[in-house]
Amino acid sequence: MTQSISIGIGLPFGGYAPSTPANNSMLSLPGETGDYASIPNNAAFTGLTDMVIAVRVALTDWTPTASQILCANYLTSSQGFRLYVHSAGTIRLERSVSGFGVLDTIASTVAPSVSDGDFIWVKVKHDGNNGAAGSDISFWTSTVENPADGDGDYTQLGTTVTDGNTCTFFNSTGGLEWGASNAGASFPSTGNWVRGKLWSSLTESPANLQVDANFNTQDIGATSFTEDSSNGFTVTVNQSGSPQAEIIAFAELATPFLFLGAAAYEFIGSVAFDFL
């Protein structure tokens, strides 16, 4: 007699990335309003002129239909900046000096070479006053799991963009967000976040590191943790509905794995086995 069983197969929302980091956790975001990670507003990361932001992330779609927020300090009524991936695949930095209108949006001159679901570091360096009545913005990527501070392990995306405006970001009253902006209400993003860092200078030194949110070293299911900079801010995993934002474990294999029903995984199919 032949008997059959069916086993469900699932993946994290961002999919498996061949460059999966070695530690045990990541922030999985389903692209739903209210699902994001954040730090409350603080002067350490608002109102800056020079700034470096770096995010290690695996987006489900690197040429998305809707923009995917990597990091933001932005409320509709108090706008600072938004770093995001545009539908064209380019990395873009939207910035405001007044808080109530966008000064301009700076785009990388080329898109990163990355497959859907793969992890890369995305970095933007913002020189708000280049000494020539303008500002310089450059975009960088790295596939190194833990790149050294500075540019040695990074490759610049295209060329530096020189803008005719100087820029000190507005001192937004919003918090620092990953995976959404406007307190989770705008552009909720889909994928897996490993780490988010922000320096208040073009020099990426420990003294200038204001935020280091390491999602890669947290307890599975944690809804808050202390980030690793000297500021020790509390990072909150904001959750809404089902599926929801979660700190989950990495897939260890470069293939789909057994689906046990956790909300952090999306069902992709089943496999039937026959036994004689």
C-alpha atoms as a PDB file:
ATOM      1  CA  MET A   1       0.000   0.000   0.000  1.00  0.00           C
ATOM      2  CA  THR A   2       1.286   3.458  -0.868  1.00  0.00           C
ATOM      3  CA  GLN A   3       0.906   6.298   1.650  1.00  0.00           C
ATOM      4  CA  SER A   4       1.615   9.981   1.045  1.00  0.00           C
ATOM      5  CA  ILE A   5       2.475  12.903   3.299  1.00  0.00           C
ATOM      6  CA  SER A   6       2.778  16.562   2.359  1.00  0.00           C
ATOM      7  CA  ILE A   7       5.276  18.958   3.986  1.00  0.00           C
ATOM      8  CA  GLY A   8       4.943  22.730   3.645  1.00  0.00           C
ATOM      9  CA  ILE A   9       7.930  24.768   2.523  1.00  0.00           C
ATOM     10  CA  GLY A  10       8.573  28.384   3.539  1.00  0.00           C
ATOM     11  CA  LEU A  11      11.082  31.231   3.419  1.00  0.00           C
ATOM     12  CA  PRO A  12      11.600  34.399   5.473  1.00  0.00           C
ATOM     13  CA  PHE A  13       9.914  37.398   3.851  1.00  0.00           C
ATOM     14  CA  GLY A  14      13.205  38.586   2.380  1.00  0.00           C
ATOM     15  CA  GLY A  15      14.068  35.151   1.035  1.00  0.00           C
ATOM     16  CA  TYR A  16      17.367  33.346   1.510  1.00  0.00           C
ATOM     17  CA  ALA A  17      20.558  35.221   0.688  1.00  0.00           C
ATOM     18  CA  PRO A  18      23.734  33.301  -0.215  1.00  0.00           C
ATOM     19  CA  SER A  19      25.690  35.866   1.814  1.00  0.00           C
ATOM     20  CA  THR A  20      23.678  35.172   4.978  1.00  0.00           C
ATOM     21  CA  PRO A  21      25.507  36.628   7.993  1.00  0.00           C
ATOM     22  CA  ALA A  22      26.990  34.173  10.462  1.00  0.00           C
ATOM     23  CA  ASN A  23      25.080  35.225  13.583  1.00  0.00           C
ATOM     24  CA  ASN A  24      21.652  34.035  14.501  1.00  0.00           C
ATOM     25  CA  SER A  25      18.992  36.691  13.958  1.00  0.00           C
ATOM     26  CA  MET A  26      17.605  39.378  11.685  1.00  0.00           C
ATOM     27  CA  LEU A  27      14.654  41.756  11.481  1.00  0.00           C
ATOM     28  CA  SER A  28      12.036  40.391   9.079  1.00  0.00           C
ATOM     29  CA  LEU A  29       9.570  42.950   7.708  1.00  0.00           C
ATOM     30  CA  PRO A  30       6.424  41.980   5.749  1.00  0.00           C
ATOM     31  CA  GLY A  31       5.765  45.331   4.032  1.00  0.00           C
ATOM     32  CA  GLU A  32       2.710  46.163   6.124  1.00  0.00           C
ATOM     33  CA  THR A  33       1.837  49.547   7.631  1.00  0.00           C
ATOM     34  CA  GLY A  34       3.023  49.760  11.224  1.00  0.00           C
ATOM     35  CA  ASP A  35       5.701  47.063  10.875  1.00  0.00           C
ATOM     36  CA  TYR A  36       9.161  48.630  11.254  1.00  0.00           C
ATOM     37  CA  ALA A  37      11.972  49.232  13.741  1.00  0.00           C
ATOM     38  CA  SER A  38      12.683  52.590  15.353  1.00  0.00           C
ATOM     39  CA  ILE A  39      14.562  54.670  17.904  1.00  0.00           C
ATOM     40  CA  PRO A  40      12.844  57.678  19.581  1.00  0.00           C
ATOM     41  CA  ASN A  41      13.839  61.150  18.445  1.00  0.00           C
ATOM     42  CA  ASN A  42      17.240  62.351  19.616  1.00  0.00           C
ATOM     43  CA  ALA A  43      19.579  65.226  18.734  1.00  0.00           C
ATOM     44  CA  ALA A  44      22.339  62.688  18.050  1.00  0.00           C
ATOM     45  CA  PHE A  45      20.896  61.932  14.607  1.00  0.00           C
ATOM     46  CA  THR A  46      18.793  64.980  13.693  1.00  0.00           C
ATOM     47  CA  GLY A  47      19.793  68.372  12.319  1.00  0.00           C
ATOM     48  CA  LEU A  48      23.121  67.113  10.940  1.00  0.00           C
ATOM     49  CA  THR A  49      25.130  68.638   8.095  1.00  0.00           C
ATOM     50  CA  ASP A  50      27.606  65.810   7.566  1.00  0.00           C
ATOM     51  CA  MET A  51      26.343  62.281   7.984  1.00  0.00           C
ATOM     52  CA  VAL A  52      27.034  58.691   6.955  1.00  0.00           C
ATOM     53  CA  ILE A  53      24.293  56.057   6.989  1.00  0.00           C
ATOM     54  CA  ALA A  54      24.986  52.357   6.389  1.00  0.00           C
ATOM     55  CA  VAL A  55      22.388  49.574   6.297  1.00  0.00           C
ATOM     56  CA  ARG A  56      22.843  45.843   5.705  1.00  0.00           C
ATOM     57  CA  VAL A  57      19.628  44.544   4.177  1.00  0.00           C
ATOM     58  CA  ALA A  58      18.149  41.928   1.855  1.00  0.00           C
ATOM     59  CA  LEU A  59      15.130  43.353   0.054  1.00  0.00           C
ATOM     60  CA  THR A  60      12.613  40.955  -1.410  1.00  0.00           C
ATOM     61  CA  ASP A  61      12.677  43.099  -4.566  1.00  0.00           C
ATOM     62  CA  TRP A  62      15.587  45.409  -5.413  1.00  0.00           C
ATOM     63  CA  THR A  63      13.554  47.038  -8.233  1.00  0.00           C
ATOM     64  CA  PRO A  64      10.338  47.428  -6.249  1.00  0.00           C
ATOM     65  CA  THR A  65       6.981  48.703  -7.432  1.00  0.00           C
ATOM     66  CA  ALA A  66       6.880  51.054  -4.440  1.00  0.00           C
ATOM     67  CA  SER A  67       9.940  52.684  -2.888  1.00  0.00           C
ATOM     68  CA  GLN A  68      11.545  50.662  -0.097  1.00  0.00           C
ATOM     69  CA  ILE A  69      12.752  52.680   2.914  1.00  0.00           C
ATOM     70  CA  LEU A  70      16.167  51.665   4.219  1.00  0.00           C
ATOM     71  CA  CYS A  71      16.427  54.329   6.941  1.00  0.00           C
ATOM     72  CA  ALA A  72      14.551  57.548   7.674  1.00  0.00           C
ATOM     73  CA  ASN A  73      14.141  60.447  10.063  1.00  0.00           C
ATOM     74  CA  TYR A  74      10.925  61.761   8.601  1.00  0.00           C
ATOM     75  CA  LEU A  75       7.397  62.700   9.560  1.00  0.00           C
ATOM     76  CA  THR A  76       4.987  64.250   7.082  1.00  0.00           C
ATOM     77  CA  SER A  77       4.782  67.308   9.360  1.00  0.00           C
ATOM     78  CA  SER A  78       8.495  67.295  10.292  1.00  0.00           C
ATOM     79  CA  GLN A  79      10.682  66.116   7.450  1.00  0.00           C
ATOM     80  CA  GLY A  80      14.391  65.322   7.803  1.00  0.00           C
ATOM     81  CA  PHE A  81      15.643  62.640   5.408  1.00  0.00           C
ATOM     82  CA  ARG A  82      14.701  59.355   3.787  1.00  0.00           C
ATOM     83  CA  LEU A  83      17.154  56.851   2.312  1.00  0.00           C
ATOM     84  CA  TYR A  84      15.365  54.435   0.006  1.00  0.00           C
ATOM     85  CA  VAL A  85      15.480  52.149  -3.025  1.00  0.00           C
ATOM     86  CA  HIS A  86      13.521  53.535  -5.971  1.00  0.00           C
ATOM     87  CA  SER A  87      11.541  51.469  -8.473  1.00  0.00           C
ATOM     88  CA  ALA A  88      14.340  52.070 -10.984  1.00  0.00           C
ATOM     89  CA  GLY A  89      16.700  50.238  -8.612  1.00  0.00           C
ATOM     90  CA  THR A  90      18.754  53.316  -7.760  1.00  0.00           C
ATOM     91  CA  ILE A  91      19.474  54.377  -4.184  1.00  0.00           C
ATOM     92  CA  ARG A  92      18.030  57.777  -3.303  1.00  0.00           C
ATOM     93  CA  LEU A  93      18.411  60.291  -0.485  1.00  0.00           C
ATOM     94  CA  GLU A  94      15.522  62.674   0.025  1.00  0.00           C
ATOM     95  CA  ARG A  95      16.373  65.645   2.218  1.00  0.00           C
ATOM     96  CA  SER A  96      14.660  68.649   3.765  1.00  0.00           C
ATOM     97  CA  VAL A  97      16.095  71.779   5.361  1.00  0.00           C
ATOM     98  CA  SER A  98      12.756  73.380   6.313  1.00  0.00           C
ATOM     99  CA  GLY A  99      10.901  70.349   7.626  1.00  0.00           C
ATOM    100  CA  PHE A 100       7.868  71.057   5.487  1.00  0.00           C
ATOM    101  CA  GLY A 101       9.138  70.521   1.963  1.00  0.00           C
ATOM    102  CA  VAL A 102      11.763  68.479   0.184  1.00  0.00           C
ATOM    103  CA  LEU A 103      14.892  70.432  -0.743  1.00  0.00           C
ATOM    104  CA  ASP A 104      15.782  67.819  -3.335  1.00  0.00           C
ATOM    105  CA  THR A 105      16.203  64.111  -3.948  1.00  0.00           C
ATOM    106  CA  ILE A 106      19.678  62.830  -4.800  1.00  0.00           C
ATOM    107  CA  ALA A 107      19.915  59.552  -6.738  1.00  0.00           C
ATOM    108  CA  SER A 108      22.859  57.241  -7.243  1.00  0.00           C
ATOM    109  CA  THR A 109      24.083  57.471 -10.826  1.00  0.00           C
ATOM    110  CA  VAL A 110      23.850  53.676 -11.195  1.00  0.00           C
ATOM    111  CA  ALA A 111      21.833  50.956  -9.465  1.00  0.00           C
ATOM    112  CA  PRO A 112      23.534  48.326  -7.303  1.00  0.00           C
ATOM    113  CA  SER A 113      24.159  44.912  -8.822  1.00  0.00           C
ATOM    114  CA  VAL A 114      22.231  42.662  -6.464  1.00  0.00           C
ATOM    115  CA  SER A 115      19.697  39.873  -6.873  1.00  0.00           C
ATOM    116  CA  ASP A 116      16.329  39.892  -5.162  1.00  0.00           C
ATOM    117  CA  GLY A 117      16.650  38.487  -1.650  1.00  0.00           C
ATOM    118  CA  ASP A 118      20.422  38.968  -1.427  1.00  0.00           C
ATOM    119  CA  PHE A 119      22.103  40.906   1.370  1.00  0.00           C
ATOM    120  CA  ILE A 120      24.306  43.917   0.697  1.00  0.00           C
ATOM    121  CA  TRP A 121      25.466  46.930   2.670  1.00  0.00           C
ATOM    122  CA  VAL A 122      24.141  50.217   1.304  1.00  0.00           C
ATOM    123  CA  LYS A 123      25.925  53.372   2.451  1.00  0.00           C
ATOM    124  CA  VAL A 124      25.399  57.066   1.743  1.00  0.00           C
ATOM    125  CA  LYS A 125      27.914  59.785   2.615  1.00  0.00           C
ATOM    126  CA  HIS A 126      26.450  63.276   2.883  1.00  0.00           C
ATOM    127  CA  ASP A 127      28.810  66.250   2.874  1.00  0.00           C
ATOM    128  CA  GLY A 128      26.338  69.061   3.477  1.00  0.00           C
ATOM    129  CA  ASN A 129      28.820  71.869   2.798  1.00  0.00           C
ATOM    130  CA  ASN A 130      31.598  71.071   0.360  1.00  0.00           C
ATOM    131  CA  GLY A 131      33.207  74.513   0.675  1.00  0.00           C
ATOM    132  CA  ALA A 132      32.008  75.552  -2.769  1.00  0.00           C
ATOM    133  CA  ALA A 133      28.455  76.619  -1.908  1.00  0.00           C
ATOM    134  CA  GLY A 134      27.152  73.128  -2.502  1.00  0.00           C
ATOM    135  CA  SER A 135      26.985  69.602  -1.127  1.00  0.00           C
ATOM    136  CA  ASP A 136      28.463  66.255  -2.172  1.00  0.00           C
ATOM    137  CA  ILE A 137      26.580  62.973  -1.880  1.00  0.00           C
ATOM    138  CA  SER A 138      28.053  59.565  -2.674  1.00  0.00           C
ATOM    139  CA  PHE A 139      26.555  56.075  -2.527  1.00  0.00           C
ATOM    140  CA  TRP A 140      28.420  52.857  -1.763  1.00  0.00           C
ATOM    141  CA  THR A 141      27.787  49.107  -1.456  1.00  0.00           C
ATOM    142  CA  SER A 142      29.604  46.151   0.047  1.00  0.00           C
ATOM    143  CA  THR A 143      29.063  42.391   0.079  1.00  0.00           C
ATOM    144  CA  VAL A 144      31.520  41.984   2.967  1.00  0.00           C
ATOM    145  CA  GLU A 145      29.638  40.746   6.017  1.00  0.00           C
ATOM    146  CA  ASN A 146      31.359  43.057   8.494  1.00  0.00           C
ATOM    147  CA  PRO A 147      33.153  45.753   6.470  1.00  0.00           C
ATOM    148  CA  ALA A 148      35.715  47.932   8.172  1.00  0.00           C
ATOM    149  CA  ASP A 149      34.648  51.496   8.907  1.00  0.00           C
ATOM    150  CA  GLY A 150      35.596  53.742   6.015  1.00  0.00           C
ATOM    151  CA  ASP A 151      35.508  52.918   2.322  1.00  0.00           C
ATOM    152  CA  GLY A 152      38.117  50.158   2.041  1.00  0.00           C
ATOM    153  CA  ASP A 153      35.593  47.304   1.862  1.00  0.00           C
ATOM    154  CA  TYR A 154      33.056  49.292  -0.167  1.00  0.00           C
ATOM    155  CA  THR A 155      32.630  50.003  -3.882  1.00  0.00           C
ATOM    156  CA  GLN A 156      31.257  53.386  -4.899  1.00  0.00           C
ATOM    157  CA  LEU A 157      28.031  53.305  -6.894  1.00  0.00           C
ATOM    158  CA  GLY A 158      28.768  55.416  -9.944  1.00  0.00           C
ATOM    159  CA  THR A 159      30.080  58.905  -9.266  1.00  0.00           C
ATOM    160  CA  THR A 160      29.701  61.474  -6.504  1.00  0.00           C
ATOM    161  CA  VAL A 161      26.738  63.815  -7.021  1.00  0.00           C
ATOM    162  CA  THR A 162      27.503  67.497  -6.430  1.00  0.00           C
ATOM    163  CA  ASP A 163      24.417  69.562  -5.668  1.00  0.00           C
ATOM    164  CA  GLY A 164      24.184  73.352  -5.853  1.00  0.00           C
ATOM    165  CA  ASN A 165      22.642  73.622  -2.386  1.00  0.00           C
ATOM    166  CA  THR A 166      24.263  73.345   1.005  1.00  0.00           C
ATOM    167  CA  CYS A 167      22.181  71.241   3.354  1.00  0.00           C
ATOM    168  CA  THR A 168      21.751  70.887   7.079  1.00  0.00           C
ATOM    169  CA  PHE A 169      18.945  68.403   7.615  1.00  0.00           C
ATOM    170  CA  PHE A 170      15.928  69.745   9.429  1.00  0.00           C
ATOM    171  CA  ASN A 171      15.821  68.855  13.119  1.00  0.00           C
ATOM    172  CA  SER A 172      12.866  66.516  12.648  1.00  0.00           C
ATOM    173  CA  THR A 173      10.830  65.517  15.680  1.00  0.00           C
ATOM    174  CA  GLY A 174      10.509  62.018  14.250  1.00  0.00           C
ATOM    175  CA  GLY A 175      12.497  59.027  15.363  1.00  0.00           C
ATOM    176  CA  LEU A 176      15.018  57.034  13.359  1.00  0.00           C
ATOM    177  CA  GLU A 177      13.238  54.276  11.415  1.00  0.00           C
ATOM    178  CA  TRP A 178      14.212  51.204   9.423  1.00  0.00           C
ATOM    179  CA  GLY A 179      11.785  49.710   6.911  1.00  0.00           C
ATOM    180  CA  ALA A 180       9.310  52.616   6.842  1.00  0.00           C
ATOM    181  CA  SER A 181       8.947  56.368   7.382  1.00  0.00           C
ATOM    182  CA  ASN A 182       6.368  58.671   8.964  1.00  0.00           C
ATOM    183  CA  ALA A 183       6.109  56.536  12.128  1.00  0.00           C
ATOM    184  CA  GLY A 184       5.542  53.400  10.082  1.00  0.00           C
ATOM    185  CA  ALA A 185       2.730  54.859   7.974  1.00  0.00           C
ATOM    186  CA  SER A 186       4.605  55.477   4.704  1.00  0.00           C
ATOM    187  CA  PHE A 187       6.387  53.082   2.349  1.00  0.00           C
ATOM    188  CA  PRO A 188       6.449  49.965   4.559  1.00  0.00           C
ATOM    189  CA  SER A 189       9.175  47.750   3.142  1.00  0.00           C
ATOM    190  CA  THR A 190       9.634  44.025   2.653  1.00  0.00           C
ATOM    191  CA  GLY A 191      12.833  42.136   3.449  1.00  0.00           C
ATOM    192  CA  ASN A 192      15.351  41.331   6.139  1.00  0.00           C
ATOM    193  CA  TRP A 193      17.453  43.908   8.011  1.00  0.00           C
ATOM    194  CA  VAL A 194      20.698  42.889   9.717  1.00  0.00           C
ATOM    195  CA  ARG A 195      22.234  46.151  10.874  1.00  0.00           C
ATOM    196  CA  GLY A 196      21.788  49.917  10.715  1.00  0.00           C
ATOM    197  CA  LYS A 197      24.545  52.436  11.532  1.00  0.00           C
ATOM    198  CA  LEU A 198      24.713  56.241  11.509  1.00  0.00           C
ATOM    199  CA  TRP A 199      27.695  58.549  11.997  1.00  0.00           C
ATOM    200  CA  SER A 200      27.396  62.304  12.658  1.00  0.00           C
ATOM    201  CA  SER A 201      30.489  63.021  10.560  1.00  0.00           C
ATOM    202  CA  LEU A 202      32.151  61.913   7.337  1.00  0.00           C
ATOM    203  CA  THR A 203      34.780  60.269   9.551  1.00  0.00           C
ATOM    204  CA  GLU A 204      33.459  56.829  10.499  1.00  0.00           C
ATOM    205  CA  SER A 205      35.098  56.641  13.920  1.00  0.00           C
ATOM    206  CA  PRO A 206      33.664  55.185  17.143  1.00  0.00           C
ATOM    207  CA  ALA A 207      33.447  58.715  18.555  1.00  0.00           C
ATOM    208  CA  ASN A 208      31.161  59.760  15.693  1.00  0.00           C
ATOM    209  CA  LEU A 209      29.043  56.587  15.676  1.00  0.00           C
ATOM    210  CA  GLN A 210      25.649  57.702  16.983  1.00  0.00           C
ATOM    211  CA  VAL A 211      23.580  54.599  16.181  1.00  0.00           C
ATOM    212  CA  ASP A 212      24.501  50.944  15.703  1.00  0.00           C
ATOM    213  CA  ALA A 213      21.343  48.834  15.625  1.00  0.00           C
ATOM    214  CA  ASN A 214      22.541  45.236  15.325  1.00  0.00           C
ATOM    215  CA  PHE A 215      19.535  43.038  14.569  1.00  0.00           C
ATOM    216  CA  ASN A 216      21.923  40.129  14.018  1.00  0.00           C
ATOM    217  CA  THR A 217      22.667  39.467  17.699  1.00  0.00           C
ATOM    218  CA  GLN A 218      19.211  39.648  19.289  1.00  0.00           C
ATOM    219  CA  ASP A 219      16.992  37.039  20.908  1.00  0.00           C
ATOM    220  CA  ILE A 220      14.459  35.488  18.558  1.00  0.00           C
ATOM    221  CA  GLY A 221      11.116  37.205  19.060  1.00  0.00           C
ATOM    222  CA  ALA A 222      12.583  40.213  20.903  1.00  0.00           C
ATOM    223  CA  THR A 223      10.483  43.366  20.542  1.00  0.00           C
ATOM    224  CA  SER A 224      13.138  45.759  21.881  1.00  0.00           C
ATOM    225  CA  PHE A 225      16.881  45.850  22.513  1.00  0.00           C
ATOM    226  CA  THR A 226      19.726  48.268  23.228  1.00  0.00           C
ATOM    227  CA  GLU A 227      21.762  49.314  20.196  1.00  0.00           C
ATOM    228  CA  ASP A 228      25.561  49.090  20.294  1.00  0.00           C
ATOM    229  CA  SER A 229      26.743  52.712  20.069  1.00  0.00           C
ATOM    230  CA  SER A 230      27.851  54.567  23.179  1.00  0.00           C
ATOM    231  CA  ASN A 231      24.418  56.225  23.253  1.00  0.00           C
ATOM    232  CA  GLY A 232      22.717  52.932  24.028  1.00  0.00           C
ATOM    233  CA  PHE A 233      19.375  53.876  22.492  1.00  0.00           C
ATOM    234  CA  THR A 234      16.435  51.490  22.781  1.00  0.00           C
ATOM    235  CA  VAL A 235      15.397  49.994  19.432  1.00  0.00           C
ATOM    236  CA  THR A 236      11.737  48.973  19.246  1.00  0.00           C
ATOM    237  CA  VAL A 237      10.365  46.395  16.813  1.00  0.00           C
ATOM    238  CA  ASN A 238       6.950  47.871  16.030  1.00  0.00           C
ATOM    239  CA  GLN A 239       4.324  45.279  15.155  1.00  0.00           C
ATOM    240  CA  SER A 240       0.904  45.551  13.554  1.00  0.00           C
ATOM    241  CA  GLY A 241      -1.439  42.802  12.396  1.00  0.00           C
ATOM    242  CA  SER A 242      -0.379  39.486  10.924  1.00  0.00           C
ATOM    243  CA  PRO A 243       2.104  38.849   9.464  1.00  0.00           C
ATOM    244  CA  GLN A 244       4.147  41.288  11.501  1.00  0.00           C
ATOM    245  CA  ALA A 245       7.663  42.617  12.021  1.00  0.00           C
ATOM    246  CA  GLU A 246       9.754  40.072  13.927  1.00  0.00           C
ATOM    247  CA  ILE A 247      13.265  39.203  14.983  1.00  0.00           C
ATOM    248  CA  ILE A 248      13.675  35.754  13.470  1.00  0.00           C
ATOM    249  CA  ALA A 249      16.408  33.167  12.959  1.00  0.00           C
ATOM    250  CA  PHE A 250      18.365  32.802   9.743  1.00  0.00           C
ATOM    251  CA  ALA A 251      17.809  29.980   7.279  1.00  0.00           C
ATOM    252  CA  GLU A 252      20.955  27.859   7.448  1.00  0.00           C
ATOM    253  CA  LEU A 253      20.588  26.242   4.016  1.00  0.00           C
ATOM    254  CA  ALA A 254      20.594  27.694   0.517  1.00  0.00           C
ATOM    255  CA  THR A 255      17.216  26.014  -0.066  1.00  0.00           C
ATOM    256  CA  PRO A 256      13.721  26.436   1.346  1.00  0.00           C
ATOM    257  CA  PHE A 257      13.205  24.772   4.700  1.00  0.00           C
ATOM    258  CA  LEU A 258      10.510  23.050   6.732  1.00  0.00           C
ATOM    259  CA  PHE A 259       7.623  25.385   7.441  1.00  0.00           C
ATOM    260  CA  LEU A 260       6.418  25.133  11.041  1.00  0.00           C
ATOM    261  CA  GLY A 261       3.770  27.815  10.871  1.00  0.00           C
ATOM    262  CA  ALA A 262       5.586  30.850  12.289  1.00  0.00           C
ATOM    263  CA  ALA A 263       4.145  34.151  11.079  1.00  0.00           C
ATOM    264  CA  ALA A 264       7.594  35.334   9.974  1.00  0.00           C
ATOM    265  CA  TYR A 265       7.687  32.899   7.042  1.00  0.00           C
ATOM    266  CA  GLU A 266       5.773  32.965   3.813  1.00  0.00           C
ATOM    267  CA  PHE A 267       4.388  29.706   2.389  1.00  0.00           C
ATOM    268  CA  ILE A 268       5.812  28.918  -1.040  1.00  0.00           C
ATOM    269  CA  GLY A 269       4.626  25.392  -1.727  1.00  0.00           C
ATOM    270  CA  SER A 270       4.609  21.789  -0.581  1.00  0.00           C
ATOM    271  CA  VAL A 271       6.362  18.546  -1.372  1.00  0.00           C
ATOM    272  CA  ALA A 272       4.625  15.158  -1.364  1.00  0.00           C
ATOM    273  CA  PHE A 273       6.473  11.969  -0.411  1.00  0.00           C
ATOM    274  CA  ASP A 274       5.211   8.477  -1.245  1.00  0.00           C
ATOM    275  CA  PHE A 275       6.014   5.493   0.963  1.00  0.00           C
ATOM    276  CA  LEU A 276       5.465   1.890  -0.089  1.00  0.00           C
END
